[in-house]
Amino acid sequence: AVSVGVASAQAVASNANRRGLVLVNTSSSRISLGFGATAVLDSGITLYPGGVFQMDEYLFDLGAVNAIASAATSNLAVQEYT
């Protein structure tokens, strides 16, 4: 898991060996994601509490994933497959 704050920051590093990625918002706040770009709150992919993002063949990306939250120290569970 990673702690996501109120400023966009890298949550998952780029990985040329990535085969899959699952992100779960285990916090009580909103978390927005940016793939290879700055994350903007409530823009693009936004996970509400309990929300799940699962990378599939249509959303596949090897780059870094940035995240921003609506509250400080919001938990984002990360499962990366290589």
PDB file of N, CA and C in Angstrom:
ATOM      1  N   ALA A   1       0.846  -1.188   0.000  1.00  0.00           N
ATOM      2  CA  ALA A   1       0.000   0.000   0.000  1.00  0.00           C
ATOM      3  C   ALA A   1       0.885   1.242   0.000  1.00  0.00           C
ATOM      4  N   VAL A   2       0.339   2.323  -0.520  1.00  0.00           N
ATOM      5  CA  VAL A   2       1.025   3.610  -0.497  1.00  0.00           C
ATOM      6  C   VAL A   2       0.093   4.640   0.136  1.00  0.00           C
ATOM      7  N   SER A   3       0.713   5.670   0.707  1.00  0.00           N
ATOM      8  CA  SER A   3      -0.047   6.764   1.283  1.00  0.00           C
ATOM      9  C   SER A   3      -0.118   7.883   0.250  1.00  0.00           C
ATOM     10  N   VAL A   4      -1.322   8.307  -0.058  1.00  0.00           N
ATOM     11  CA  VAL A   4      -1.548   9.347  -1.066  1.00  0.00           C
ATOM     12  C   VAL A   4      -1.934  10.629  -0.347  1.00  0.00           C
ATOM     13  N   GLY A   5      -1.331  11.733  -0.768  1.00  0.00           N
ATOM     14  CA  GLY A   5      -1.607  13.017  -0.147  1.00  0.00           C
ATOM     15  C   GLY A   5      -2.444  13.931  -1.020  1.00  0.00           C
ATOM     16  N   VAL A   6      -2.487  15.190  -0.637  1.00  0.00           N
ATOM     17  CA  VAL A   6      -3.325  16.169  -1.334  1.00  0.00           C
ATOM     18  C   VAL A   6      -2.590  16.864  -2.476  1.00  0.00           C
ATOM     19  N   ALA A   7      -1.378  16.415  -2.775  1.00  0.00           N
ATOM     20  CA  ALA A   7      -0.623  16.890  -3.937  1.00  0.00           C
ATOM     21  C   ALA A   7      -0.295  15.676  -4.795  1.00  0.00           C
ATOM     22  N   SER A   8      -0.290  15.847  -6.098  1.00  0.00           N
ATOM     23  CA  SER A   8       0.013  14.746  -7.003  1.00  0.00           C
ATOM     24  C   SER A   8       1.436  14.243  -6.755  1.00  0.00           C
ATOM     25  N   ALA A   9       1.574  12.922  -6.613  1.00  0.00           N
ATOM     26  CA  ALA A   9       2.872  12.296  -6.397  1.00  0.00           C
ATOM     27  C   ALA A   9       2.842  10.879  -6.969  1.00  0.00           C
ATOM     28  N   GLN A  10       4.009  10.336  -7.222  1.00  0.00           N
ATOM     29  CA  GLN A  10       4.094   8.983  -7.779  1.00  0.00           C
ATOM     30  C   GLN A  10       3.618   7.954  -6.760  1.00  0.00           C
ATOM     31  N   ALA A  11       2.665   7.127  -7.160  1.00  0.00           N
ATOM     32  CA  ALA A  11       2.158   6.050  -6.306  1.00  0.00           C
ATOM     33  C   ALA A  11       2.755   4.709  -6.718  1.00  0.00           C
ATOM     34  N   VAL A  12       2.971   4.531  -8.033  1.00  0.00           N
ATOM     35  CA  VAL A  12       3.556   3.292  -8.564  1.00  0.00           C
ATOM     36  C   VAL A  12       4.596   3.695  -9.606  1.00  0.00           C
ATOM     37  N   ALA A  13       5.801   3.173  -9.457  1.00  0.00           N
ATOM     38  CA  ALA A  13       6.879   3.496 -10.394  1.00  0.00           C
ATOM     39  C   ALA A  13       6.643   2.830 -11.740  1.00  0.00           C
ATOM     40  N   SER A  14       7.239   3.402 -12.778  1.00  0.00           N
ATOM     41  CA  SER A  14       7.164   2.759 -14.094  1.00  0.00           C
ATOM     42  C   SER A  14       7.846   1.397 -13.993  1.00  0.00           C
ATOM     43  N   ASN A  15       7.401   0.454 -14.805  1.00  0.00           N
ATOM     44  CA  ASN A  15       7.940  -0.904 -14.741  1.00  0.00           C
ATOM     45  C   ASN A  15       7.791  -1.556 -16.117  1.00  0.00           C
ATOM     46  N   ALA A  16       8.920  -1.746 -16.791  1.00  0.00           N
ATOM     47  CA  ALA A  16       8.909  -2.351 -18.124  1.00  0.00           C
ATOM     48  C   ALA A  16       8.477  -3.808 -18.089  1.00  0.00           C
ATOM     49  N   ASN A  17       8.502  -4.425 -16.908  1.00  0.00           N
ATOM     50  CA  ASN A  17       8.111  -5.836 -16.767  1.00  0.00           C
ATOM     51  C   ASN A  17       6.678  -6.011 -16.270  1.00  0.00           C
ATOM     52  N   ARG A  18       5.938  -4.925 -16.143  1.00  0.00           N
ATOM     53  CA  ARG A  18       4.560  -4.999 -15.640  1.00  0.00           C
ATOM     54  C   ARG A  18       3.687  -5.845 -16.558  1.00  0.00           C
ATOM     55  N   ARG A  19       2.915  -6.726 -15.968  1.00  0.00           N
ATOM     56  CA  ARG A  19       1.955  -7.559 -16.704  1.00  0.00           C
ATOM     57  C   ARG A  19       0.520  -7.289 -16.268  1.00  0.00           C
ATOM     58  N   GLY A  20       0.385  -6.612 -15.134  1.00  0.00           N
ATOM     59  CA  GLY A  20      -0.939  -6.275 -14.624  1.00  0.00           C
ATOM     60  C   GLY A  20      -0.816  -5.392 -13.404  1.00  0.00           C
ATOM     61  N   LEU A  21      -1.915  -4.705 -13.065  1.00  0.00           N
ATOM     62  CA  LEU A  21      -1.909  -3.790 -11.927  1.00  0.00           C
ATOM     63  C   LEU A  21      -3.330  -3.663 -11.391  1.00  0.00           C
ATOM     64  N   VAL A  22      -3.462  -3.760 -10.076  1.00  0.00           N
ATOM     65  CA  VAL A  22      -4.745  -3.554  -9.411  1.00  0.00           C
ATOM     66  C   VAL A  22      -4.529  -2.518  -8.319  1.00  0.00           C
ATOM     67  N   LEU A  23      -5.362  -1.475  -8.310  1.00  0.00           N
ATOM     68  CA  LEU A  23      -5.301  -0.422  -7.303  1.00  0.00           C
ATOM     69  C   LEU A  23      -6.645  -0.366  -6.587  1.00  0.00           C
ATOM     70  N   VAL A  24      -6.616  -0.353  -5.251  1.00  0.00           N
ATOM     71  CA  VAL A  24      -7.842  -0.321  -4.452  1.00  0.00           C
ATOM     72  C   VAL A  24      -7.757   0.830  -3.464  1.00  0.00           C
ATOM     73  N   ASN A  25      -8.776   1.679  -3.469  1.00  0.00           N
ATOM     74  CA  ASN A  25      -8.848   2.779  -2.514  1.00  0.00           C
ATOM     75  C   ASN A  25      -9.391   2.225  -1.197  1.00  0.00           C
ATOM     76  N   THR A  26      -8.501   2.026  -0.221  1.00  0.00           N
ATOM     77  CA  THR A  26      -8.910   1.500   1.082  1.00  0.00           C
ATOM     78  C   THR A  26      -9.114   2.624   2.103  1.00  0.00           C
ATOM     79  N   SER A  27      -9.160   3.863   1.631  1.00  0.00           N
ATOM     80  CA  SER A  27      -9.364   5.010   2.519  1.00  0.00           C
ATOM     81  C   SER A  27     -10.825   5.472   2.461  1.00  0.00           C
ATOM     82  N   SER A  28     -11.107   6.518   3.222  1.00  0.00           N
ATOM     83  CA  SER A  28     -12.466   7.080   3.217  1.00  0.00           C
ATOM     84  C   SER A  28     -12.544   8.348   2.352  1.00  0.00           C
ATOM     85  N   SER A  29     -11.495   8.625   1.596  1.00  0.00           N
ATOM     86  CA  SER A  29     -11.488   9.800   0.722  1.00  0.00           C
ATOM     87  C   SER A  29     -11.451   9.380  -0.745  1.00  0.00           C
ATOM     88  N   ARG A  30     -11.525  10.348  -1.649  1.00  0.00           N
ATOM     89  CA  ARG A  30     -11.435  10.082  -3.084  1.00  0.00           C
ATOM     90  C   ARG A  30      -9.974  10.114  -3.498  1.00  0.00           C
ATOM     91  N   ILE A  31      -9.586   9.238  -4.426  1.00  0.00           N
ATOM     92  CA  ILE A  31      -8.237   9.223  -4.976  1.00  0.00           C
ATOM     93  C   ILE A  31      -8.345   9.228  -6.490  1.00  0.00           C
ATOM     94  N   SER A  32      -7.664  10.204  -7.120  1.00  0.00           N
ATOM     95  CA  SER A  32      -7.644  10.299  -8.580  1.00  0.00           C
ATOM     96  C   SER A  32      -6.272   9.874  -9.082  1.00  0.00           C
ATOM     97  N   LEU A  33      -6.246   9.271 -10.275  1.00  0.00           N
ATOM     98  CA  LEU A  33      -5.025   8.713 -10.844  1.00  0.00           C
ATOM     99  C   LEU A  33      -4.614   9.452 -12.107  1.00  0.00           C
ATOM    100  N   GLY A  34      -3.317   9.524 -12.333  1.00  0.00           N
ATOM    101  CA  GLY A  34      -2.765  10.071 -13.565  1.00  0.00           C
ATOM    102  C   GLY A  34      -1.715   9.109 -14.091  1.00  0.00           C
ATOM    103  N   PHE A  35      -1.863   8.632 -15.305  1.00  0.00           N
ATOM    104  CA  PHE A  35      -0.941   7.665 -15.897  1.00  0.00           C
ATOM    105  C   PHE A  35       0.082   8.411 -16.748  1.00  0.00           C
ATOM    106  N   GLY A  36       1.320   8.465 -16.248  1.00  0.00           N
ATOM    107  CA  GLY A  36       2.364   9.189 -16.952  1.00  0.00           C
ATOM    108  C   GLY A  36       2.141  10.690 -16.968  1.00  0.00           C
ATOM    109  N   ALA A  37       1.285  11.173 -16.093  1.00  0.00           N
ATOM    110  CA  ALA A  37       0.955  12.594 -16.035  1.00  0.00           C
ATOM    111  C   ALA A  37       0.581  12.959 -14.605  1.00  0.00           C
ATOM    112  N   THR A  38       0.537  14.238 -14.336  1.00  0.00           N
ATOM    113  CA  THR A  38       0.121  14.718 -13.024  1.00  0.00           C
ATOM    114  C   THR A  38      -1.322  14.296 -12.759  1.00  0.00           C
ATOM    115  N   ALA A  39      -1.586  13.801 -11.563  1.00  0.00           N
ATOM    116  CA  ALA A  39      -2.955  13.457 -11.179  1.00  0.00           C
ATOM    117  C   ALA A  39      -3.682  14.725 -10.765  1.00  0.00           C
ATOM    118  N   VAL A  40      -4.929  14.852 -11.204  1.00  0.00           N
ATOM    119  CA  VAL A  40      -5.768  16.007 -10.869  1.00  0.00           C
ATOM    120  C   VAL A  40      -7.003  15.477 -10.148  1.00  0.00           C
ATOM    121  N   LEU A  41      -7.258  15.999  -8.958  1.00  0.00           N
ATOM    122  CA  LEU A  41      -8.376  15.505  -8.160  1.00  0.00           C
ATOM    123  C   LEU A  41      -9.697  15.594  -8.923  1.00  0.00           C
ATOM    124  N   ASP A  42     -10.446  14.515  -8.895  1.00  0.00           N
ATOM    125  CA  ASP A  42     -11.758  14.382  -9.539  1.00  0.00           C
ATOM    126  C   ASP A  42     -11.693  14.516 -11.054  1.00  0.00           C
ATOM    127  N   SER A  43     -10.550  14.190 -11.638  1.00  0.00           N
ATOM    128  CA  SER A  43     -10.378  14.212 -13.084  1.00  0.00           C
ATOM    129  C   SER A  43      -9.825  12.867 -13.521  1.00  0.00           C
ATOM    130  N   GLY A  44     -10.219  12.421 -14.693  1.00  0.00           N
ATOM    131  CA  GLY A  44      -9.736  11.121 -15.173  1.00  0.00           C
ATOM    132  C   GLY A  44     -10.313   9.996 -14.340  1.00  0.00           C
ATOM    133  N   ILE A  45      -9.489   9.046 -13.976  1.00  0.00           N
ATOM    134  CA  ILE A  45      -9.942   7.908 -13.175  1.00  0.00           C
ATOM    135  C   ILE A  45      -9.929   8.313 -11.713  1.00  0.00           C
ATOM    136  N   THR A  46     -11.100   8.311 -11.086  1.00  0.00           N
ATOM    137  CA  THR A  46     -11.228   8.643  -9.670  1.00  0.00           C
ATOM    138  C   THR A  46     -11.838   7.460  -8.947  1.00  0.00           C
ATOM    139  N   LEU A  47     -11.157   7.041  -7.875  1.00  0.00           N
ATOM    140  CA  LEU A  47     -11.630   5.929  -7.062  1.00  0.00           C
ATOM    141  C   LEU A  47     -12.277   6.478  -5.793  1.00  0.00           C
ATOM    142  N   TYR A  48     -13.543   6.166  -5.602  1.00  0.00           N
ATOM    143  CA  TYR A  48     -14.224   6.516  -4.365  1.00  0.00           C
ATOM    144  C   TYR A  48     -13.869   5.461  -3.323  1.00  0.00           C
ATOM    145  N   PRO A  49     -14.174   5.672  -2.045  1.00  0.00           N
ATOM    146  CA  PRO A  49     -13.833   4.677  -1.032  1.00  0.00           C
ATOM    147  C   PRO A  49     -14.287   3.277  -1.455  1.00  0.00           C
ATOM    148  N   GLY A  50     -13.357   2.324  -1.402  1.00  0.00           N
ATOM    149  CA  GLY A  50     -13.647   0.953  -1.813  1.00  0.00           C
ATOM    150  C   GLY A  50     -13.536   0.732  -3.310  1.00  0.00           C
ATOM    151  N   GLY A  51     -13.269   1.782  -4.071  1.00  0.00           N
ATOM    152  CA  GLY A  51     -13.179   1.676  -5.526  1.00  0.00           C
ATOM    153  C   GLY A  51     -11.942   0.912  -5.980  1.00  0.00           C
ATOM    154  N   VAL A  52     -12.078   0.246  -7.121  1.00  0.00           N
ATOM    155  CA  VAL A  52     -11.007  -0.594  -7.656  1.00  0.00           C
ATOM    156  C   VAL A  52     -10.717  -0.207  -9.102  1.00  0.00           C
ATOM    157  N   PHE A  53      -9.425  -0.105  -9.427  1.00  0.00           N
ATOM    158  CA  PHE A  53      -8.985   0.040 -10.816  1.00  0.00           C
ATOM    159  C   PHE A  53      -8.174  -1.195 -11.150  1.00  0.00           C
ATOM    160  N   GLN A  54      -8.567  -1.876 -12.218  1.00  0.00           N
ATOM    161  CA  GLN A  54      -7.838  -3.057 -12.664  1.00  0.00           C
ATOM    162  C   GLN A  54      -7.375  -2.821 -14.090  1.00  0.00           C
ATOM    163  N   MET A  55      -6.065  -2.850 -14.278  1.00  0.00           N
ATOM    164  CA  MET A  55      -5.493  -2.644 -15.599  1.00  0.00           C
ATOM    165  C   MET A  55      -5.767  -3.884 -16.453  1.00  0.00           C
ATOM    166  N   ASP A  56      -6.311  -3.661 -17.645  1.00  0.00           N
ATOM    167  CA  ASP A  56      -6.547  -4.772 -18.573  1.00  0.00           C
ATOM    168  C   ASP A  56      -5.864  -4.460 -19.904  1.00  0.00           C
ATOM    169  N   GLU A  57      -6.094  -5.258 -20.912  1.00  0.00           N
ATOM    170  CA  GLU A  57      -5.378  -5.061 -22.175  1.00  0.00           C
ATOM    171  C   GLU A  57      -5.733  -3.755 -22.873  1.00  0.00           C
ATOM    172  N   TYR A  58      -6.884  -3.159 -22.536  1.00  0.00           N
ATOM    173  CA  TYR A  58      -7.286  -1.908 -23.162  1.00  0.00           C
ATOM    174  C   TYR A  58      -6.740  -0.692 -22.413  1.00  0.00           C
ATOM    175  N   LEU A  59      -6.396  -0.870 -21.151  1.00  0.00           N
ATOM    176  CA  LEU A  59      -5.903   0.216 -20.316  1.00  0.00           C
ATOM    177  C   LEU A  59      -4.443   0.003 -19.927  1.00  0.00           C
ATOM    178  N   PHE A  60      -3.758  -0.893 -20.612  1.00  0.00           N
ATOM    179  CA  PHE A  60      -2.415  -1.296 -20.220  1.00  0.00           C
ATOM    180  C   PHE A  60      -1.407  -0.175 -20.405  1.00  0.00           C
ATOM    181  N   ASP A  61      -0.567   0.041 -19.378  1.00  0.00           N
ATOM    182  CA  ASP A  61       0.434   1.104 -19.394  1.00  0.00           C
ATOM    183  C   ASP A  61       1.612   0.671 -18.528  1.00  0.00           C
ATOM    184  N   LEU A  62       2.822   0.860 -19.027  1.00  0.00           N
ATOM    185  CA  LEU A  62       4.032   0.499 -18.284  1.00  0.00           C
ATOM    186  C   LEU A  62       4.597   1.667 -17.486  1.00  0.00           C
ATOM    187  N   GLY A  63       4.035   2.855 -17.680  1.00  0.00           N
ATOM    188  CA  GLY A  63       4.557   4.066 -17.059  1.00  0.00           C
ATOM    189  C   GLY A  63       4.188   4.212 -15.598  1.00  0.00           C
ATOM    190  N   ALA A  64       4.715   5.277 -15.006  1.00  0.00           N
ATOM    191  CA  ALA A  64       4.422   5.592 -13.604  1.00  0.00           C
ATOM    192  C   ALA A  64       2.951   5.982 -13.444  1.00  0.00           C
ATOM    193  N   VAL A  65       2.420   5.690 -12.275  1.00  0.00           N
ATOM    194  CA  VAL A  65       1.055   6.083 -11.931  1.00  0.00           C
ATOM    195  C   VAL A  65       1.146   7.096 -10.803  1.00  0.00           C
ATOM    196  N   ASN A  66       0.616   8.281 -11.037  1.00  0.00           N
ATOM    197  CA  ASN A  66       0.568   9.331 -10.021  1.00  0.00           C
ATOM    198  C   ASN A  66      -0.814   9.348  -9.397  1.00  0.00           C
ATOM    199  N   ALA A  67      -0.881   9.825  -8.159  1.00  0.00           N
ATOM    200  CA  ALA A  67      -2.166   9.848  -7.461  1.00  0.00           C
ATOM    201  C   ALA A  67      -2.268  11.099  -6.598  1.00  0.00           C
ATOM    202  N   ILE A  68      -3.511  11.524  -6.376  1.00  0.00           N
ATOM    203  CA  ILE A  68      -3.815  12.645  -5.488  1.00  0.00           C
ATOM    204  C   ILE A  68      -5.105  12.290  -4.754  1.00  0.00           C
ATOM    205  N   ALA A  69      -5.224  12.737  -3.509  1.00  0.00           N
ATOM    206  CA  ALA A  69      -6.397  12.392  -2.701  1.00  0.00           C
ATOM    207  C   ALA A  69      -7.101  13.642  -2.191  1.00  0.00           C
ATOM    208  N   SER A  70      -8.346  13.461  -1.792  1.00  0.00           N
ATOM    209  CA  SER A  70      -9.119  14.572  -1.250  1.00  0.00           C
ATOM    210  C   SER A  70      -8.799  14.818   0.224  1.00  0.00           C
ATOM    211  N   ALA A  71      -8.012  13.938   0.842  1.00  0.00           N
ATOM    212  CA  ALA A  71      -7.574  14.109   2.229  1.00  0.00           C
ATOM    213  C   ALA A  71      -6.166  13.541   2.371  1.00  0.00           C
ATOM    214  N   ALA A  72      -5.392  14.104   3.262  1.00  0.00           N
ATOM    215  CA  ALA A  72      -4.014  13.655   3.472  1.00  0.00           C
ATOM    216  C   ALA A  72      -3.968  12.218   3.983  1.00  0.00           C
ATOM    217  N   THR A  73      -2.873  11.566   3.727  1.00  0.00           N
ATOM    218  CA  THR A  73      -2.583  10.185   4.167  1.00  0.00           C
ATOM    219  C   THR A  73      -3.719   9.212   3.862  1.00  0.00           C
ATOM    220  N   SER A  74      -4.162   9.205   2.607  1.00  0.00           N
ATOM    221  CA  SER A  74      -5.190   8.277   2.144  1.00  0.00           C
ATOM    222  C   SER A  74      -4.511   7.020   1.611  1.00  0.00           C
ATOM    223  N   ASN A  75      -5.001   5.860   2.007  1.00  0.00           N
ATOM    224  CA  ASN A  75      -4.370   4.599   1.635  1.00  0.00           C
ATOM    225  C   ASN A  75      -4.840   4.078   0.284  1.00  0.00           C
ATOM    226  N   LEU A  76      -3.856   3.673  -0.528  1.00  0.00           N
ATOM    227  CA  LEU A  76      -4.121   3.065  -1.825  1.00  0.00           C
ATOM    228  C   LEU A  76      -3.397   1.732  -1.845  1.00  0.00           C
ATOM    229  N   ALA A  77      -4.144   0.639  -1.896  1.00  0.00           N
ATOM    230  CA  ALA A  77      -3.546  -0.691  -1.961  1.00  0.00           C
ATOM    231  C   ALA A  77      -3.091  -0.954  -3.395  1.00  0.00           C
ATOM    232  N   VAL A  78      -1.891  -1.532  -3.539  1.00  0.00           N
ATOM    233  CA  VAL A  78      -1.294  -1.752  -4.862  1.00  0.00           C
ATOM    234  C   VAL A  78      -0.915  -3.224  -4.996  1.00  0.00           C
ATOM    235  N   GLN A  79      -1.367  -3.844  -6.074  1.00  0.00           N
ATOM    236  CA  GLN A  79      -0.925  -5.193  -6.436  1.00  0.00           C
ATOM    237  C   GLN A  79      -0.436  -5.136  -7.874  1.00  0.00           C
ATOM    238  N   GLU A  80       0.875  -5.287  -8.056  1.00  0.00           N
ATOM    239  CA  GLU A  80       1.462  -5.240  -9.383  1.00  0.00           C
ATOM    240  C   GLU A  80       1.956  -6.626  -9.752  1.00  0.00           C
ATOM    241  N   TYR A  81       1.659  -7.038 -10.973  1.00  0.00           N
ATOM    242  CA  TYR A  81       2.090  -8.344 -11.483  1.00  0.00           C
ATOM    243  C   TYR A  81       3.202  -8.134 -12.481  1.00  0.00           C
ATOM    244  N   THR A  82       4.278  -8.917 -12.339  1.00  0.00           N
ATOM    245  CA  THR A  82       5.405  -8.818 -13.264  1.00  0.00           C
ATOM    246  C   THR A  82       5.710 -10.172 -13.854  1.00  0.00           C
TER     247      THR A  82
END
